[in-house]
Amino acid sequence: AVASLASSLACRLAAHFWPGPLTLVLPARAGLHPLVT
């Protein structure tokens, strides 16, 4: 809802480490508040 998980790399890392202590920097969806991005 807030980011694109379209890349195969992002999907692999998310599947492997989430839930858990990995933060991914992903392409933001339009409309997010500028303080978040």
PDB file of all heavy atoms in Angstrom:
ATOM      1  N   ALA A   1       0.826  -1.217   0.000  1.00  0.00           N
ATOM      2  CA  ALA A   1       0.000   0.000   0.000  1.00  0.00           C
ATOM      3  C   ALA A   1       0.858   1.265   0.000  1.00  0.00           C
ATOM      4  O   ALA A   1       0.394   2.323  -0.412  1.00  0.00           O
ATOM      5  CB  ALA A   1      -0.934  -0.001   1.209  1.00  0.00           C
ATOM      6  N   VAL A   2       2.115   1.160   0.462  1.00  0.00           N
ATOM      7  CA  VAL A   2       2.979   2.341   0.550  1.00  0.00           C
ATOM      8  C   VAL A   2       4.191   2.274  -0.361  1.00  0.00           C
ATOM      9  O   VAL A   2       4.850   3.282  -0.591  1.00  0.00           O
ATOM     10  CB  VAL A   2       3.445   2.595   2.007  1.00  0.00           C
ATOM     11  CG1 VAL A   2       2.258   2.890   2.906  1.00  0.00           C
ATOM     12  CG2 VAL A   2       4.274   1.444   2.541  1.00  0.00           C
ATOM     13  N   ALA A   3       4.505   1.067  -0.876  1.00  0.00           N
ATOM     14  CA  ALA A   3       5.727   0.898  -1.661  1.00  0.00           C
ATOM     15  C   ALA A   3       5.536  -0.184  -2.711  1.00  0.00           C
ATOM     16  O   ALA A   3       4.633  -1.007  -2.621  1.00  0.00           O
ATOM     17  CB  ALA A   3       6.880   0.502  -0.734  1.00  0.00           C
ATOM     18  N   SER A   4       6.429  -0.175  -3.679  1.00  0.00           N
ATOM     19  CA  SER A   4       6.423  -1.212  -4.702  1.00  0.00           C
ATOM     20  C   SER A   4       7.341  -2.357  -4.286  1.00  0.00           C
ATOM     21  O   SER A   4       8.504  -2.142  -3.967  1.00  0.00           O
ATOM     22  CB  SER A   4       6.907  -0.637  -6.037  1.00  0.00           C
ATOM     23  OG  SER A   4       7.096  -1.680  -6.962  1.00  0.00           O
ATOM     24  N   LEU A   5       6.783  -3.555  -4.288  1.00  0.00           N
ATOM     25  CA  LEU A   5       7.571  -4.768  -4.048  1.00  0.00           C
ATOM     26  C   LEU A   5       7.693  -5.523  -5.361  1.00  0.00           C
ATOM     27  O   LEU A   5       7.662  -6.743  -5.386  1.00  0.00           O
ATOM     28  CB  LEU A   5       6.878  -5.647  -3.014  1.00  0.00           C
ATOM     29  CG  LEU A   5       7.387  -5.618  -1.580  1.00  0.00           C
ATOM     30  CD1 LEU A   5       6.525  -6.463  -0.676  1.00  0.00           C
ATOM     31  CD2 LEU A   5       8.829  -5.980  -1.455  1.00  0.00           C
ATOM     32  N   ALA A   6       7.819  -4.789  -6.458  1.00  0.00           N
ATOM     33  CA  ALA A   6       7.790  -5.384  -7.790  1.00  0.00           C
ATOM     34  C   ALA A   6       9.086  -6.083  -8.173  1.00  0.00           C
ATOM     35  O   ALA A   6       9.065  -7.027  -8.953  1.00  0.00           O
ATOM     36  CB  ALA A   6       7.453  -4.318  -8.835  1.00  0.00           C
ATOM     37  N   SER A   7      10.208  -5.641  -7.636  1.00  0.00           N
ATOM     38  CA  SER A   7      11.460  -6.262  -8.067  1.00  0.00           C
ATOM     39  C   SER A   7      11.605  -7.648  -7.448  1.00  0.00           C
ATOM     40  O   SER A   7      11.205  -7.891  -6.316  1.00  0.00           O
ATOM     41  CB  SER A   7      12.663  -5.389  -7.700  1.00  0.00           C
ATOM     42  OG  SER A   7      13.096  -5.642  -6.387  1.00  0.00           O
ATOM     43  N   SER A   8      12.214  -8.547  -8.198  1.00  0.00           N
ATOM     44  CA  SER A   8      12.406  -9.903  -7.688  1.00  0.00           C
ATOM     45  C   SER A   8      13.343  -9.896  -6.485  1.00  0.00           C
ATOM     46  O   SER A   8      13.183 -10.700  -5.567  1.00  0.00           O
ATOM     47  CB  SER A   8      12.918 -10.827  -8.788  1.00  0.00           C
ATOM     48  OG  SER A   8      14.160 -10.376  -9.278  1.00  0.00           O
ATOM     49  N   LEU A   9      14.324  -8.989  -6.457  1.00  0.00           N
ATOM     50  CA  LEU A   9      15.231  -8.893  -5.323  1.00  0.00           C
ATOM     51  C   LEU A   9      14.461  -8.518  -4.057  1.00  0.00           C
ATOM     52  O   LEU A   9      14.615  -9.159  -3.014  1.00  0.00           O
ATOM     53  CB  LEU A   9      16.336  -7.866  -5.583  1.00  0.00           C
ATOM     54  CG  LEU A   9      17.239  -7.576  -4.384  1.00  0.00           C
ATOM     55  CD1 LEU A   9      18.028  -8.825  -3.983  1.00  0.00           C
ATOM     56  CD2 LEU A   9      18.165  -6.419  -4.679  1.00  0.00           C
ATOM     57  N   ALA A  10      13.645  -7.480  -4.140  1.00  0.00           N
ATOM     58  CA  ALA A  10      12.873  -7.051  -2.972  1.00  0.00           C
ATOM     59  C   ALA A  10      11.970  -8.176  -2.477  1.00  0.00           C
ATOM     60  O   ALA A  10      11.870  -8.413  -1.270  1.00  0.00           O
ATOM     61  CB  ALA A  10      12.053  -5.805  -3.301  1.00  0.00           C
ATOM     62  N   CYS A  11      11.334  -8.878  -3.396  1.00  0.00           N
ATOM     63  CA  CYS A  11      10.460  -9.995  -3.009  1.00  0.00           C
ATOM     64  C   CYS A  11      11.243 -11.102  -2.312  1.00  0.00           C
ATOM     65  O   CYS A  11      10.787 -11.654  -1.302  1.00  0.00           O
ATOM     66  CB  CYS A  11       9.726 -10.547  -4.229  1.00  0.00           C
ATOM     67  SG  CYS A  11       8.462  -9.434  -4.850  1.00  0.00           S
ATOM     68  N   ARG A  12      12.438 -11.449  -2.838  1.00  0.00           N
ATOM     69  CA  ARG A  12      13.261 -12.484  -2.201  1.00  0.00           C
ATOM     70  C   ARG A  12      13.687 -12.080  -0.795  1.00  0.00           C
ATOM     71  O   ARG A  12      13.619 -12.870   0.146  1.00  0.00           O
ATOM     72  CB  ARG A  12      14.513 -12.780  -3.047  1.00  0.00           C
ATOM     73  CG  ARG A  12      14.289 -13.731  -4.190  1.00  0.00           C
ATOM     74  CD  ARG A  12      15.604 -14.260  -4.793  1.00  0.00           C
ATOM     75  NE  ARG A  12      16.607 -13.272  -5.107  1.00  0.00           N
ATOM     76  CZ  ARG A  12      16.618 -12.526  -6.215  1.00  0.00           C
ATOM     77  NH1 ARG A  12      15.676 -12.656  -7.127  1.00  0.00           N
ATOM     78  NH2 ARG A  12      17.586 -11.654  -6.433  1.00  0.00           N
ATOM     79  N   LEU A  13      14.147 -10.840  -0.657  1.00  0.00           N
ATOM     80  CA  LEU A  13      14.603 -10.388   0.651  1.00  0.00           C
ATOM     81  C   LEU A  13      13.454 -10.313   1.647  1.00  0.00           C
ATOM     82  O   LEU A  13      13.593 -10.723   2.809  1.00  0.00           O
ATOM     83  CB  LEU A  13      15.319  -9.043   0.540  1.00  0.00           C
ATOM     84  CG  LEU A  13      16.630  -9.059  -0.245  1.00  0.00           C
ATOM     85  CD1 LEU A  13      17.215  -7.654  -0.347  1.00  0.00           C
ATOM     86  CD2 LEU A  13      17.636 -10.018   0.364  1.00  0.00           C
ATOM     87  N   ALA A  14      12.317  -9.806   1.206  1.00  0.00           N
ATOM     88  CA  ALA A  14      11.146  -9.737   2.092  1.00  0.00           C
ATOM     89  C   ALA A  14      10.717 -11.135   2.525  1.00  0.00           C
ATOM     90  O   ALA A  14      10.451 -11.380   3.710  1.00  0.00           O
ATOM     91  CB  ALA A  14       9.997  -9.008   1.386  1.00  0.00           C
ATOM     92  N   ALA A  15      10.663 -12.075   1.595  1.00  0.00           N
ATOM     93  CA  ALA A  15      10.245 -13.439   1.920  1.00  0.00           C
ATOM     94  C   ALA A  15      11.225 -14.097   2.887  1.00  0.00           C
ATOM     95  O   ALA A  15      10.817 -14.863   3.767  1.00  0.00           O
ATOM     96  CB  ALA A  15      10.123 -14.267   0.639  1.00  0.00           C
ATOM     97  N   HIS A  16      12.501 -13.784   2.751  1.00  0.00           N
ATOM     98  CA  HIS A  16      13.517 -14.418   3.585  1.00  0.00           C
ATOM     99  C   HIS A  16      13.597 -13.807   4.992  1.00  0.00           C
ATOM    100  O   HIS A  16      13.788 -14.530   5.966  1.00  0.00           O
ATOM    101  CB  HIS A  16      14.881 -14.321   2.899  1.00  0.00           C
ATOM    102  CG  HIS A  16      15.946 -15.113   3.572  1.00  0.00           C
ATOM    103  ND1 HIS A  16      16.118 -16.461   3.349  1.00  0.00           N
ATOM    104  CD2 HIS A  16      16.891 -14.753   4.481  1.00  0.00           C
ATOM    105  CE1 HIS A  16      17.121 -16.898   4.093  1.00  0.00           C
ATOM    106  NE2 HIS A  16      17.609 -15.879   4.780  1.00  0.00           N
ATOM    107  N   PHE A  17      13.473 -12.481   5.094  1.00  0.00           N
ATOM    108  CA  PHE A  17      13.767 -11.802   6.359  1.00  0.00           C
ATOM    109  C   PHE A  17      12.562 -11.247   7.112  1.00  0.00           C
ATOM    110  O   PHE A  17      12.715 -10.827   8.265  1.00  0.00           O
ATOM    111  CB  PHE A  17      14.763 -10.660   6.121  1.00  0.00           C
ATOM    112  CG  PHE A  17      16.125 -11.136   5.729  1.00  0.00           C
ATOM    113  CD1 PHE A  17      16.570 -10.987   4.422  1.00  0.00           C
ATOM    114  CD2 PHE A  17      16.964 -11.748   6.647  1.00  0.00           C
ATOM    115  CE1 PHE A  17      17.835 -11.421   4.053  1.00  0.00           C
ATOM    116  CE2 PHE A  17      18.231 -12.185   6.281  1.00  0.00           C
ATOM    117  CZ  PHE A  17      18.668 -12.027   4.988  1.00  0.00           C
ATOM    118  N   TRP A  18      11.405 -11.188   6.489  1.00  0.00           N
ATOM    119  CA  TRP A  18      10.230 -10.626   7.177  1.00  0.00           C
ATOM    120  C   TRP A  18       9.333 -11.727   7.683  1.00  0.00           C
ATOM    121  O   TRP A  18       9.124 -12.707   6.987  1.00  0.00           O
ATOM    122  CB  TRP A  18       9.447  -9.735   6.241  1.00  0.00           C
ATOM    123  CG  TRP A  18      10.086  -8.410   5.947  1.00  0.00           C
ATOM    124  CD1 TRP A  18      11.181  -7.846   6.548  1.00  0.00           C
ATOM    125  CD2 TRP A  18       9.659  -7.472   4.962  1.00  0.00           C
ATOM    126  NE1 TRP A  18      11.450  -6.621   5.988  1.00  0.00           N
ATOM    127  CE2 TRP A  18      10.525  -6.368   5.008  1.00  0.00           C
ATOM    128  CE3 TRP A  18       8.617  -7.462   4.045  1.00  0.00           C
ATOM    129  CZ2 TRP A  18      10.374  -5.264   4.180  1.00  0.00           C
ATOM    130  CZ3 TRP A  18       8.473  -6.364   3.221  1.00  0.00           C
ATOM    131  CH2 TRP A  18       9.345  -5.278   3.293  1.00  0.00           C
ATOM    132  N   PRO A  19       8.762 -11.578   8.865  1.00  0.00           N
ATOM    133  CA  PRO A  19       9.008 -10.470   9.789  1.00  0.00           C
ATOM    134  C   PRO A  19      10.411 -10.565  10.388  1.00  0.00           C
ATOM    135  O   PRO A  19      10.904 -11.659  10.646  1.00  0.00           O
ATOM    136  CB  PRO A  19       7.943 -10.634  10.864  1.00  0.00           C
ATOM    137  CG  PRO A  19       7.337 -11.981  10.684  1.00  0.00           C
ATOM    138  CD  PRO A  19       7.741 -12.510   9.349  1.00  0.00           C
ATOM    139  N   GLY A  20      10.996  -9.399  10.591  1.00  0.00           N
ATOM    140  CA  GLY A  20      12.332  -9.365  11.160  1.00  0.00           C
ATOM    141  C   GLY A  20      13.021  -8.033  10.972  1.00  0.00           C
ATOM    142  O   GLY A  20      12.424  -7.069  10.478  1.00  0.00           O
ATOM    143  N   PRO A  21      14.312  -7.970  11.341  1.00  0.00           N
ATOM    144  CA  PRO A  21      15.028  -6.696  11.409  1.00  0.00           C
ATOM    145  C   PRO A  21      15.699  -6.254  10.103  1.00  0.00           C
ATOM    146  O   PRO A  21      16.854  -5.819  10.096  1.00  0.00           O
ATOM    147  CB  PRO A  21      16.063  -6.954  12.503  1.00  0.00           C
ATOM    148  CG  PRO A  21      16.371  -8.409  12.369  1.00  0.00           C
ATOM    149  CD  PRO A  21      15.073  -9.052  11.967  1.00  0.00           C
ATOM    150  N   LEU A  22      14.985  -6.375   8.985  1.00  0.00           N
ATOM    151  CA  LEU A  22      15.494  -5.857   7.716  1.00  0.00           C
ATOM    152  C   LEU A  22      14.559  -4.757   7.229  1.00  0.00           C
ATOM    153  O   LEU A  22      13.353  -4.981   7.062  1.00  0.00           O
ATOM    154  CB  LEU A  22      15.567  -6.948   6.646  1.00  0.00           C
ATOM    155  CG  LEU A  22      16.072  -6.439   5.288  1.00  0.00           C
ATOM    156  CD1 LEU A  22      17.566  -6.123   5.350  1.00  0.00           C
ATOM    157  CD2 LEU A  22      15.782  -7.438   4.190  1.00  0.00           C
ATOM    158  N   THR A  23      15.119  -3.573   7.032  1.00  0.00           N
ATOM    159  CA  THR A  23      14.380  -2.460   6.445  1.00  0.00           C
ATOM    160  C   THR A  23      14.773  -2.370   4.986  1.00  0.00           C
ATOM    161  O   THR A  23      15.957  -2.321   4.659  1.00  0.00           O
ATOM    162  CB  THR A  23      14.704  -1.138   7.171  1.00  0.00           C
ATOM    163  OG1 THR A  23      14.310  -1.252   8.536  1.00  0.00           O
ATOM    164  CG2 THR A  23      13.996   0.043   6.523  1.00  0.00           C
ATOM    165  N   LEU A  24      13.778  -2.374   4.103  1.00  0.00           N
ATOM    166  CA  LEU A  24      14.028  -2.230   2.672  1.00  0.00           C
ATOM    167  C   LEU A  24      13.660  -0.827   2.236  1.00  0.00           C
ATOM    168  O   LEU A  24      12.619  -0.296   2.624  1.00  0.00           O
ATOM    169  CB  LEU A  24      13.205  -3.248   1.876  1.00  0.00           C
ATOM    170  CG  LEU A  24      13.591  -4.711   2.055  1.00  0.00           C
ATOM    171  CD1 LEU A  24      12.622  -5.613   1.288  1.00  0.00           C
ATOM    172  CD2 LEU A  24      15.019  -4.953   1.602  1.00  0.00           C
ATOM    173  N   VAL A  25      14.512  -0.224   1.435  1.00  0.00           N
ATOM    174  CA  VAL A  25      14.221   1.075   0.830  1.00  0.00           C
ATOM    175  C   VAL A  25      13.674   0.771  -0.553  1.00  0.00           C
ATOM    176  O   VAL A  25      14.380   0.245  -1.411  1.00  0.00           O
ATOM    177  CB  VAL A  25      15.471   1.971   0.791  1.00  0.00           C
ATOM    178  CG1 VAL A  25      15.163   3.286   0.100  1.00  0.00           C
ATOM    179  CG2 VAL A  25      15.975   2.215   2.213  1.00  0.00           C
ATOM    180  N   LEU A  26      12.393   1.094  -0.732  1.00  0.00           N
ATOM    181  CA  LEU A  26      11.647   0.690  -1.922  1.00  0.00           C
ATOM    182  C   LEU A  26      11.068   1.907  -2.629  1.00  0.00           C
ATOM    183  O   LEU A  26      10.908   2.971  -2.013  1.00  0.00           O
ATOM    184  CB  LEU A  26      10.489  -0.231  -1.501  1.00  0.00           C
ATOM    185  CG  LEU A  26      10.881  -1.513  -0.772  1.00  0.00           C
ATOM    186  CD1 LEU A  26       9.651  -2.159  -0.143  1.00  0.00           C
ATOM    187  CD2 LEU A  26      11.572  -2.464  -1.724  1.00  0.00           C
ATOM    188  N   PRO A  27      10.697   1.759  -3.910  1.00  0.00           N
ATOM    189  CA  PRO A  27      10.004   2.853  -4.587  1.00  0.00           C
ATOM    190  C   PRO A  27       8.692   3.168  -3.858  1.00  0.00           C
ATOM    191  O   PRO A  27       7.905   2.265  -3.573  1.00  0.00           O
ATOM    192  CB  PRO A  27       9.731   2.290  -5.984  1.00  0.00           C
ATOM    193  CG  PRO A  27      10.757   1.213  -6.167  1.00  0.00           C
ATOM    194  CD  PRO A  27      10.958   0.613  -4.802  1.00  0.00           C
ATOM    195  N   ALA A  28       8.493   4.428  -3.543  1.00  0.00           N
ATOM    196  CA  ALA A  28       7.307   4.855  -2.794  1.00  0.00           C
ATOM    197  C   ALA A  28       6.091   4.957  -3.706  1.00  0.00           C
ATOM    198  O   ALA A  28       6.208   5.328  -4.875  1.00  0.00           O
ATOM    199  CB  ALA A  28       7.567   6.205  -2.133  1.00  0.00           C
ATOM    200  N   ARG A  29       4.936   4.624  -3.164  1.00  0.00           N
ATOM    201  CA  ARG A  29       3.675   4.839  -3.868  1.00  0.00           C
ATOM    202  C   ARG A  29       3.386   6.337  -3.872  1.00  0.00           C
ATOM    203  O   ARG A  29       3.761   7.067  -2.948  1.00  0.00           O
ATOM    204  CB  ARG A  29       2.522   4.112  -3.170  1.00  0.00           C
ATOM    205  CG  ARG A  29       2.649   2.616  -3.195  1.00  0.00           C
ATOM    206  CD  ARG A  29       2.147   2.069  -4.508  1.00  0.00           C
ATOM    207  NE  ARG A  29       2.247   0.607  -4.502  1.00  0.00           N
ATOM    208  CZ  ARG A  29       2.520  -0.107  -5.554  1.00  0.00           C
ATOM    209  NH1 ARG A  29       2.724   0.467  -6.721  1.00  0.00           N
ATOM    210  NH2 ARG A  29       2.591  -1.405  -5.476  1.00  0.00           N
ATOM    211  N   ALA A  30       2.706   6.787  -4.885  1.00  0.00           N
ATOM    212  CA  ALA A  30       2.325   8.203  -4.979  1.00  0.00           C
ATOM    213  C   ALA A  30       1.433   8.565  -3.800  1.00  0.00           C
ATOM    214  O   ALA A  30       0.643   7.744  -3.323  1.00  0.00           O
ATOM    215  CB  ALA A  30       1.598   8.460  -6.293  1.00  0.00           C
ATOM    216  N   GLY A  31       1.581   9.781  -3.326  1.00  0.00           N
ATOM    217  CA  GLY A  31       0.695  10.294  -2.287  1.00  0.00           C
ATOM    218  C   GLY A  31       1.211  10.157  -0.871  1.00  0.00           C
ATOM    219  O   GLY A  31       0.554  10.625   0.056  1.00  0.00           O
ATOM    220  N   LEU A  32       2.370   9.545  -0.675  1.00  0.00           N
ATOM    221  CA  LEU A  32       2.906   9.473   0.677  1.00  0.00           C
ATOM    222  C   LEU A  32       3.347  10.856   1.128  1.00  0.00           C
ATOM    223  O   LEU A  32       3.802  11.670   0.331  1.00  0.00           O
ATOM    224  CB  LEU A  32       4.100   8.519   0.744  1.00  0.00           C
ATOM    225  CG  LEU A  32       3.808   7.036   0.647  1.00  0.00           C
ATOM    226  CD1 LEU A  32       5.104   6.236   0.769  1.00  0.00           C
ATOM    227  CD2 LEU A  32       2.824   6.596   1.706  1.00  0.00           C
ATOM    228  N   HIS A  33       3.224  11.108   2.402  1.00  0.00           N
ATOM    229  CA  HIS A  33       3.613  12.401   2.951  1.00  0.00           C
ATOM    230  C   HIS A  33       5.121  12.620   2.733  1.00  0.00           C
ATOM    231  O   HIS A  33       5.913  11.694   2.907  1.00  0.00           O
ATOM    232  CB  HIS A  33       3.289  12.452   4.449  1.00  0.00           C
ATOM    233  CG  HIS A  33       3.317  13.828   4.992  1.00  0.00           C
ATOM    234  ND1 HIS A  33       4.494  14.513   5.238  1.00  0.00           N
ATOM    235  CD2 HIS A  33       2.311  14.673   5.316  1.00  0.00           C
ATOM    236  CE1 HIS A  33       4.220  15.705   5.702  1.00  0.00           C
ATOM    237  NE2 HIS A  33       2.902  15.837   5.764  1.00  0.00           N
ATOM    238  N   PRO A  34       5.530  13.834   2.377  1.00  0.00           N
ATOM    239  CA  PRO A  34       6.950  14.115   2.127  1.00  0.00           C
ATOM    240  C   PRO A  34       7.859  13.833   3.328  1.00  0.00           C
ATOM    241  O   PRO A  34       9.042  13.561   3.146  1.00  0.00           O
ATOM    242  CB  PRO A  34       6.982  15.600   1.768  1.00  0.00           C
ATOM    243  CG  PRO A  34       5.600  15.953   1.383  1.00  0.00           C
ATOM    244  CD  PRO A  34       4.684  14.992   2.076  1.00  0.00           C
ATOM    245  N   LEU A  35       7.334  13.859   4.550  1.00  0.00           N
ATOM    246  CA  LEU A  35       8.169  13.542   5.709  1.00  0.00           C
ATOM    247  C   LEU A  35       8.571  12.067   5.716  1.00  0.00           C
ATOM    248  O   LEU A  35       9.604  11.700   6.253  1.00  0.00           O
ATOM    249  CB  LEU A  35       7.438  13.882   7.018  1.00  0.00           C
ATOM    250  CG  LEU A  35       7.280  15.364   7.323  1.00  0.00           C
ATOM    251  CD1 LEU A  35       6.457  15.555   8.595  1.00  0.00           C
ATOM    252  CD2 LEU A  35       8.628  16.052   7.453  1.00  0.00           C
ATOM    253  N   VAL A  36       7.745  11.225   5.110  1.00  0.00           N
ATOM    254  CA  VAL A  36       8.040   9.792   5.057  1.00  0.00           C
ATOM    255  C   VAL A  36       9.085   9.498   3.985  1.00  0.00           C
ATOM    256  O   VAL A  36       9.911   8.603   4.142  1.00  0.00           O
ATOM    257  CB  VAL A  36       6.741   8.987   4.814  1.00  0.00           C
ATOM    258  CG1 VAL A  36       7.024   7.516   4.612  1.00  0.00           C
ATOM    259  CG2 VAL A  36       5.770   9.192   5.966  1.00  0.00           C
ATOM    260  N   THR A  37       9.068  10.259   2.923  1.00  0.00           N
ATOM    261  CA  THR A  37       9.992  10.026   1.806  1.00  0.00           C
ATOM    262  C   THR A  37      11.141  11.037   1.773  1.00  0.00           C
ATOM    263  O   THR A  37      12.012  10.932   0.915  1.00  0.00           O
ATOM    264  CB  THR A  37       9.243  10.125   0.464  1.00  0.00           C
ATOM    265  OG1 THR A  37       8.740  11.460   0.322  1.00  0.00           O
ATOM    266  CG2 THR A  37       8.117   9.113   0.387  1.00  0.00           C
TER     267      THR A  37
END
